[in-house]
PDB file of all heavy atoms in Angstrom:
ATOM      1  N   LYS A   1       9.836 -31.517   4.292  1.00  0.00           N
ATOM      2  CA  LYS A   1       8.888 -32.297   5.097  1.00  0.00           C
ATOM      3  C   LYS A   1       9.339 -33.760   5.066  1.00  0.00           C
ATOM      4  O   LYS A   1       9.986 -34.205   4.115  1.00  0.00           O
ATOM      5  CB  LYS A   1       7.488 -32.212   4.524  1.00  0.00           C
ATOM      6  CG  LYS A   1       6.924 -30.801   4.538  1.00  0.00           C
ATOM      7  CD  LYS A   1       5.538 -30.794   3.913  1.00  0.00           C
ATOM      8  CE  LYS A   1       4.986 -29.352   3.896  1.00  0.00           C
ATOM      9  NZ  LYS A   1       3.699 -29.253   3.248  1.00  0.00           N
ATOM     10  N   ASP A   2       8.997 -34.511   6.088  1.00  0.00           N
ATOM     11  CA  ASP A   2       9.369 -35.903   6.139  1.00  0.00           C
ATOM     12  C   ASP A   2       8.821 -36.661   4.923  1.00  0.00           C
ATOM     13  O   ASP A   2       7.661 -36.454   4.521  1.00  0.00           O
ATOM     14  CB  ASP A   2       8.819 -36.558   7.408  1.00  0.00           C
ATOM     15  CG  ASP A   2       9.543 -36.082   8.655  1.00  0.00           C
ATOM     16  OD1 ASP A   2      10.678 -35.637   8.524  1.00  0.00           O
ATOM     17  OD2 ASP A   2       8.963 -36.185   9.747  1.00  0.00           O
ATOM     18  N   GLY A   3       9.627 -37.480   4.314  1.00  0.00           N
ATOM     19  CA  GLY A   3       9.223 -38.316   3.211  1.00  0.00           C
ATOM     20  C   GLY A   3       9.241 -37.622   1.863  1.00  0.00           C
ATOM     21  O   GLY A   3       8.900 -38.221   0.850  1.00  0.00           O
ATOM     22  N   VAL A   4       9.630 -36.351   1.827  1.00  0.00           N
ATOM     23  CA  VAL A   4       9.703 -35.614   0.560  1.00  0.00           C
ATOM     24  C   VAL A   4      11.150 -35.258   0.297  1.00  0.00           C
ATOM     25  O   VAL A   4      11.802 -34.611   1.113  1.00  0.00           O
ATOM     26  CB  VAL A   4       8.828 -34.316   0.618  1.00  0.00           C
ATOM     27  CG1 VAL A   4       8.911 -33.536  -0.684  1.00  0.00           C
ATOM     28  CG2 VAL A   4       7.389 -34.649   0.963  1.00  0.00           C
ATOM     29  N   ASP A   5      11.696 -35.717  -0.846  1.00  0.00           N
ATOM     30  CA  ASP A   5      13.107 -35.523  -1.125  1.00  0.00           C
ATOM     31  C   ASP A   5      13.345 -34.495  -2.231  1.00  0.00           C
ATOM     32  O   ASP A   5      14.357 -34.569  -2.952  1.00  0.00           O
ATOM     33  CB  ASP A   5      13.759 -36.850  -1.479  1.00  0.00           C
ATOM     34  CG  ASP A   5      13.192 -37.460  -2.760  1.00  0.00           C
ATOM     35  OD1 ASP A   5      12.206 -36.936  -3.298  1.00  0.00           O
ATOM     36  OD2 ASP A   5      13.765 -38.452  -3.227  1.00  0.00           O
ATOM     37  N   HIS A   6      12.412 -33.550  -2.401  1.00  0.00           N
ATOM     38  CA  HIS A   6      12.546 -32.558  -3.441  1.00  0.00           C
ATOM     39  C   HIS A   6      11.678 -31.373  -3.126  1.00  0.00           C
ATOM     40  O   HIS A   6      10.894 -31.407  -2.207  1.00  0.00           O
ATOM     41  CB  HIS A   6      12.122 -33.148  -4.796  1.00  0.00           C
ATOM     42  CG  HIS A   6      10.721 -33.617  -4.826  1.00  0.00           C
ATOM     43  ND1 HIS A   6      10.338 -34.862  -4.252  1.00  0.00           N
ATOM     44  CD2 HIS A   6       9.558 -33.041  -5.222  1.00  0.00           C
ATOM     45  CE1 HIS A   6       9.038 -34.985  -4.376  1.00  0.00           C
ATOM     46  NE2 HIS A   6       8.543 -33.896  -4.954  1.00  0.00           N
ATOM     47  N   VAL A   7      11.834 -30.308  -3.902  1.00  0.00           N
ATOM     48  CA  VAL A   7      10.974 -29.160  -3.736  1.00  0.00           C
ATOM     49  C   VAL A   7       9.638 -29.543  -4.440  1.00  0.00           C
ATOM     50  O   VAL A   7       9.659 -30.034  -5.567  1.00  0.00           O
ATOM     51  CB  VAL A   7      11.567 -27.896  -4.416  1.00  0.00           C
ATOM     52  CG1 VAL A   7      10.631 -26.711  -4.288  1.00  0.00           C
ATOM     53  CG2 VAL A   7      12.928 -27.580  -3.788  1.00  0.00           C
ATOM     54  N   THR A   8       8.537 -29.364  -3.769  1.00  0.00           N
ATOM     55  CA  THR A   8       7.254 -29.817  -4.309  1.00  0.00           C
ATOM     56  C   THR A   8       6.764 -28.859  -5.406  1.00  0.00           C
ATOM     57  O   THR A   8       7.174 -27.693  -5.478  1.00  0.00           O
ATOM     58  CB  THR A   8       6.165 -29.895  -3.222  1.00  0.00           C
ATOM     59  OG1 THR A   8       5.877 -28.538  -2.763  1.00  0.00           O
ATOM     60  CG2 THR A   8       6.621 -30.784  -2.072  1.00  0.00           C
ATOM     61  N   PRO A   9       5.884 -29.334  -6.282  1.00  0.00           N
ATOM     62  CA  PRO A   9       5.313 -28.463  -7.303  1.00  0.00           C
ATOM     63  C   PRO A   9       4.607 -27.259  -6.684  1.00  0.00           C
ATOM     64  O   PRO A   9       4.681 -26.145  -7.236  1.00  0.00           O
ATOM     65  CB  PRO A   9       4.308 -29.353  -8.030  1.00  0.00           C
ATOM     66  CG  PRO A   9       4.850 -30.738  -7.877  1.00  0.00           C
ATOM     67  CD  PRO A   9       5.460 -30.737  -6.465  1.00  0.00           C
ATOM     68  N   GLU A  10       3.975 -27.408  -5.548  1.00  0.00           N
ATOM     69  CA  GLU A  10       3.318 -26.294  -4.882  1.00  0.00           C
ATOM     70  C   GLU A  10       4.347 -25.265  -4.379  1.00  0.00           C
ATOM     71  O   GLU A  10       4.092 -24.054  -4.489  1.00  0.00           O
ATOM     72  CB  GLU A  10       2.471 -26.793  -3.699  1.00  0.00           C
ATOM     73  CG  GLU A  10       1.309 -27.691  -4.093  1.00  0.00           C
ATOM     74  CD  GLU A  10       1.721 -29.143  -4.381  1.00  0.00           C
ATOM     75  OE1 GLU A  10       2.827 -29.560  -3.976  1.00  0.00           O
ATOM     76  OE2 GLU A  10       0.896 -29.854  -4.980  1.00  0.00           O
ATOM     77  N   GLN A  11       5.452 -25.732  -3.846  1.00  0.00           N
ATOM     78  CA  GLN A  11       6.502 -24.809  -3.433  1.00  0.00           C
ATOM     79  C   GLN A  11       7.111 -24.065  -4.614  1.00  0.00           C
ATOM     80  O   GLN A  11       7.368 -22.859  -4.533  1.00  0.00           O
ATOM     81  CB  GLN A  11       7.595 -25.566  -2.666  1.00  0.00           C
ATOM     82  CG  GLN A  11       7.150 -26.085  -1.317  1.00  0.00           C
ATOM     83  CD  GLN A  11       8.160 -27.025  -0.696  1.00  0.00           C
ATOM     84  OE1 GLN A  11       8.751 -27.887  -1.395  1.00  0.00           O
ATOM     85  NE2 GLN A  11       8.362 -26.905   0.618  1.00  0.00           N
ATOM     86  N   LYS A  12       7.316 -24.786  -5.725  1.00  0.00           N
ATOM     87  CA  LYS A  12       7.850 -24.139  -6.899  1.00  0.00           C
ATOM     88  C   LYS A  12       6.866 -23.092  -7.450  1.00  0.00           C
ATOM     89  O   LYS A  12       7.308 -21.985  -7.823  1.00  0.00           O
ATOM     90  CB  LYS A  12       8.165 -25.170  -7.988  1.00  0.00           C
ATOM     91  CG  LYS A  12       9.359 -26.040  -7.652  1.00  0.00           C
ATOM     92  CD  LYS A  12       9.574 -27.085  -8.719  1.00  0.00           C
ATOM     93  CE  LYS A  12      10.767 -27.973  -8.341  1.00  0.00           C
ATOM     94  NZ  LYS A  12      11.029 -29.004  -9.329  1.00  0.00           N
ATOM     95  N   ALA A  13       5.613 -23.395  -7.441  1.00  0.00           N
ATOM     96  CA  ALA A  13       4.595 -22.414  -7.915  1.00  0.00           C
ATOM     97  C   ALA A  13       4.652 -21.177  -7.032  1.00  0.00           C
ATOM     98  O   ALA A  13       4.563 -20.033  -7.536  1.00  0.00           O
ATOM     99  CB  ALA A  13       3.218 -23.054  -7.913  1.00  0.00           C
ATOM    100  N   ALA A  14       4.798 -21.346  -5.713  1.00  0.00           N
ATOM    101  CA  ALA A  14       4.889 -20.212  -4.814  1.00  0.00           C
ATOM    102  C   ALA A  14       6.157 -19.385  -5.090  1.00  0.00           C
ATOM    103  O   ALA A  14       6.098 -18.154  -5.010  1.00  0.00           O
ATOM    104  CB  ALA A  14       4.842 -20.683  -3.369  1.00  0.00           C
ATOM    105  N   ILE A  15       7.257 -20.043  -5.426  1.00  0.00           N
ATOM    106  CA  ILE A  15       8.470 -19.328  -5.778  1.00  0.00           C
ATOM    107  C   ILE A  15       8.255 -18.518  -7.067  1.00  0.00           C
ATOM    108  O   ILE A  15       8.624 -17.324  -7.126  1.00  0.00           O
ATOM    109  CB  ILE A  15       9.642 -20.306  -5.930  1.00  0.00           C
ATOM    110  CG1 ILE A  15      10.019 -20.876  -4.572  1.00  0.00           C
ATOM    111  CG2 ILE A  15      10.869 -19.621  -6.580  1.00  0.00           C
ATOM    112  CD1 ILE A  15      10.998 -22.038  -4.629  1.00  0.00           C
ATOM    113  N   HIS A  16       7.654 -19.128  -8.060  1.00  0.00           N
ATOM    114  CA  HIS A  16       7.389 -18.423  -9.308  1.00  0.00           C
ATOM    115  C   HIS A  16       6.538 -17.154  -9.052  1.00  0.00           C
ATOM    116  O   HIS A  16       6.861 -16.070  -9.543  1.00  0.00           O
ATOM    117  CB  HIS A  16       6.667 -19.325 -10.319  1.00  0.00           C
ATOM    118  CG  HIS A  16       7.526 -20.407 -10.900  1.00  0.00           C
ATOM    119  ND1 HIS A  16       8.628 -20.151 -11.647  1.00  0.00           N
ATOM    120  CD2 HIS A  16       7.438 -21.751 -10.826  1.00  0.00           C
ATOM    121  CE1 HIS A  16       9.192 -21.286 -12.020  1.00  0.00           C
ATOM    122  NE2 HIS A  16       8.460 -22.291 -11.534  1.00  0.00           N
ATOM    123  N   ARG A  17       5.456 -17.321  -8.301  1.00  0.00           N
ATOM    124  CA  ARG A  17       4.615 -16.200  -7.988  1.00  0.00           C
ATOM    125  C   ARG A  17       5.372 -15.138  -7.188  1.00  0.00           C
ATOM    126  O   ARG A  17       5.256 -13.921  -7.444  1.00  0.00           O
ATOM    127  CB  ARG A  17       3.392 -16.647  -7.176  1.00  0.00           C
ATOM    128  CG  ARG A  17       2.276 -17.237  -7.989  1.00  0.00           C
ATOM    129  CD  ARG A  17       1.015 -17.465  -7.176  1.00  0.00           C
ATOM    130  NE  ARG A  17       1.239 -18.213  -5.917  1.00  0.00           N
ATOM    131  CZ  ARG A  17       1.244 -19.532  -5.856  1.00  0.00           C
ATOM    132  NH1 ARG A  17       1.046 -20.284  -6.903  1.00  0.00           N
ATOM    133  NH2 ARG A  17       1.442 -20.120  -4.685  1.00  0.00           N
ATOM    134  N   GLY A  18       6.093 -15.568  -6.163  1.00  0.00           N
ATOM    135  CA  GLY A  18       6.794 -14.644  -5.291  1.00  0.00           C
ATOM    136  C   GLY A  18       7.846 -13.831  -6.022  1.00  0.00           C
ATOM    137  O   GLY A  18       7.965 -12.612  -5.783  1.00  0.00           O
ATOM    138  N   ILE A  19       8.605 -14.464  -6.870  1.00  0.00           N
ATOM    139  CA  ILE A  19       9.638 -13.735  -7.632  1.00  0.00           C
ATOM    140  C   ILE A  19       9.004 -12.736  -8.593  1.00  0.00           C
ATOM    141  O   ILE A  19       9.426 -11.569  -8.658  1.00  0.00           O
ATOM    142  CB  ILE A  19      10.544 -14.707  -8.402  1.00  0.00           C
ATOM    143  CG1 ILE A  19      11.349 -15.590  -7.415  1.00  0.00           C
ATOM    144  CG2 ILE A  19      11.452 -13.988  -9.385  1.00  0.00           C
ATOM    145  CD1 ILE A  19      12.341 -14.812  -6.577  1.00  0.00           C
ATOM    146  N   ALA A  20       7.950 -13.150  -9.297  1.00  0.00           N
ATOM    147  CA  ALA A  20       7.271 -12.242 -10.224  1.00  0.00           C
ATOM    148  C   ALA A  20       6.690 -11.055  -9.460  1.00  0.00           C
ATOM    149  O   ALA A  20       6.785  -9.899  -9.915  1.00  0.00           O
ATOM    150  CB  ALA A  20       6.190 -12.993 -11.000  1.00  0.00           C
ATOM    151  N   ASP A  21       6.047 -11.316  -8.312  1.00  0.00           N
ATOM    152  CA  ASP A  21       5.496 -10.244  -7.503  1.00  0.00           C
ATOM    153  C   ASP A  21       6.581  -9.289  -7.002  1.00  0.00           C
ATOM    154  O   ASP A  21       6.400  -8.072  -7.035  1.00  0.00           O
ATOM    155  CB  ASP A  21       4.704 -10.811  -6.322  1.00  0.00           C
ATOM    156  CG  ASP A  21       3.405 -11.503  -6.719  1.00  0.00           C
ATOM    157  OD1 ASP A  21       2.966 -11.323  -7.890  1.00  0.00           O
ATOM    158  OD2 ASP A  21       2.840 -12.224  -5.858  1.00  0.00           O
ATOM    159  N   LEU A  22       7.665  -9.838  -6.566  1.00  0.00           N
ATOM    160  CA  LEU A  22       8.774  -9.024  -6.061  1.00  0.00           C
ATOM    161  C   LEU A  22       9.330  -8.115  -7.116  1.00  0.00           C
ATOM    162  O   LEU A  22       9.578  -6.925  -6.905  1.00  0.00           O
ATOM    163  CB  LEU A  22       9.882  -9.909  -5.461  1.00  0.00           C
ATOM    164  CG  LEU A  22      11.126  -9.183  -4.953  1.00  0.00           C
ATOM    165  CD1 LEU A  22      10.774  -8.354  -3.720  1.00  0.00           C
ATOM    166  CD2 LEU A  22      12.198 -10.179  -4.612  1.00  0.00           C
ATOM    167  N   LEU A  23       9.559  -8.652  -8.303  1.00  0.00           N
ATOM    168  CA  LEU A  23      10.110  -7.857  -9.397  1.00  0.00           C
ATOM    169  C   LEU A  23       9.122  -6.749  -9.843  1.00  0.00           C
ATOM    170  O   LEU A  23       9.540  -5.669 -10.247  1.00  0.00           O
ATOM    171  CB  LEU A  23      10.544  -8.736 -10.564  1.00  0.00           C
ATOM    172  CG  LEU A  23      11.793  -9.548 -10.294  1.00  0.00           C
ATOM    173  CD1 LEU A  23      12.055 -10.538 -11.435  1.00  0.00           C
ATOM    174  CD2 LEU A  23      13.006  -8.656 -10.098  1.00  0.00           C
ATOM    175  N   PHE A  24       7.838  -7.057  -9.716  1.00  0.00           N
ATOM    176  CA  PHE A  24       6.846  -6.030 -10.029  1.00  0.00           C
ATOM    177  C   PHE A  24       6.855  -4.936  -8.958  1.00  0.00           C
ATOM    178  O   PHE A  24       6.896  -3.730  -9.286  1.00  0.00           O
ATOM    179  CB  PHE A  24       5.449  -6.645 -10.122  1.00  0.00           C
ATOM    180  CG  PHE A  24       4.399  -5.604 -10.450  1.00  0.00           C
ATOM    181  CD1 PHE A  24       4.327  -5.043 -11.710  1.00  0.00           C
ATOM    182  CD2 PHE A  24       3.505  -5.212  -9.473  1.00  0.00           C
ATOM    183  CE1 PHE A  24       3.364  -4.076 -11.989  1.00  0.00           C
ATOM    184  CE2 PHE A  24       2.549  -4.262  -9.747  1.00  0.00           C
ATOM    185  CZ  PHE A  24       2.481  -3.715 -11.018  1.00  0.00           C
ATOM    186  N   GLU A  25       6.911  -5.337  -7.699  1.00  0.00           N
ATOM    187  CA  GLU A  25       6.908  -4.357  -6.598  1.00  0.00           C
ATOM    188  C   GLU A  25       8.165  -3.488  -6.601  1.00  0.00           C
ATOM    189  O   GLU A  25       8.076  -2.289  -6.361  1.00  0.00           O
ATOM    190  CB  GLU A  25       6.781  -5.076  -5.254  1.00  0.00           C
ATOM    191  CG  GLU A  25       5.448  -5.723  -4.992  1.00  0.00           C
ATOM    192  CD  GLU A  25       5.447  -6.579  -3.733  1.00  0.00           C
ATOM    193  OE1 GLU A  25       6.350  -6.399  -2.875  1.00  0.00           O
ATOM    194  OE2 GLU A  25       4.569  -7.440  -3.640  1.00  0.00           O
ATOM    195  N   VAL A  26       9.321  -4.070  -6.823  1.00  0.00           N
ATOM    196  CA  VAL A  26      10.586  -3.366  -6.729  1.00  0.00           C
ATOM    197  C   VAL A  26      10.934  -2.619  -7.997  1.00  0.00           C
ATOM    198  O   VAL A  26      11.379  -1.464  -7.972  1.00  0.00           O
ATOM    199  CB  VAL A  26      11.722  -4.315  -6.329  1.00  0.00           C
ATOM    200  CG1 VAL A  26      13.076  -3.621  -6.334  1.00  0.00           C
ATOM    201  CG2 VAL A  26      11.444  -4.914  -4.953  1.00  0.00           C
ATOM    202  N   LEU A  27      10.750  -3.257  -9.162  1.00  0.00           N
ATOM    203  CA  LEU A  27      11.202  -2.692 -10.438  1.00  0.00           C
ATOM    204  C   LEU A  27      10.067  -2.306 -11.367  1.00  0.00           C
ATOM    205  O   LEU A  27      10.339  -1.762 -12.460  1.00  0.00           O
ATOM    206  CB  LEU A  27      12.132  -3.693 -11.133  1.00  0.00           C
ATOM    207  CG  LEU A  27      13.399  -4.109 -10.394  1.00  0.00           C
ATOM    208  CD1 LEU A  27      14.157  -5.155 -11.169  1.00  0.00           C
ATOM    209  CD2 LEU A  27      14.267  -2.896 -10.117  1.00  0.00           C
ATOM    210  N   GLY A  28       8.842  -2.646 -11.016  1.00  0.00           N
ATOM    211  CA  GLY A  28       7.708  -2.353 -11.904  1.00  0.00           C
ATOM    212  C   GLY A  28       7.661  -3.244 -13.110  1.00  0.00           C
ATOM    213  O   GLY A  28       6.998  -2.910 -14.095  1.00  0.00           O
TER     214      GLY A  28
END
């Protein structure tokens, strides 16, 4: 987004959740 020069804490939290959910769905 304009004016943001990094991955935001909210985006990082979504990545953490998404990866954990994916590994649960695919590998249990």
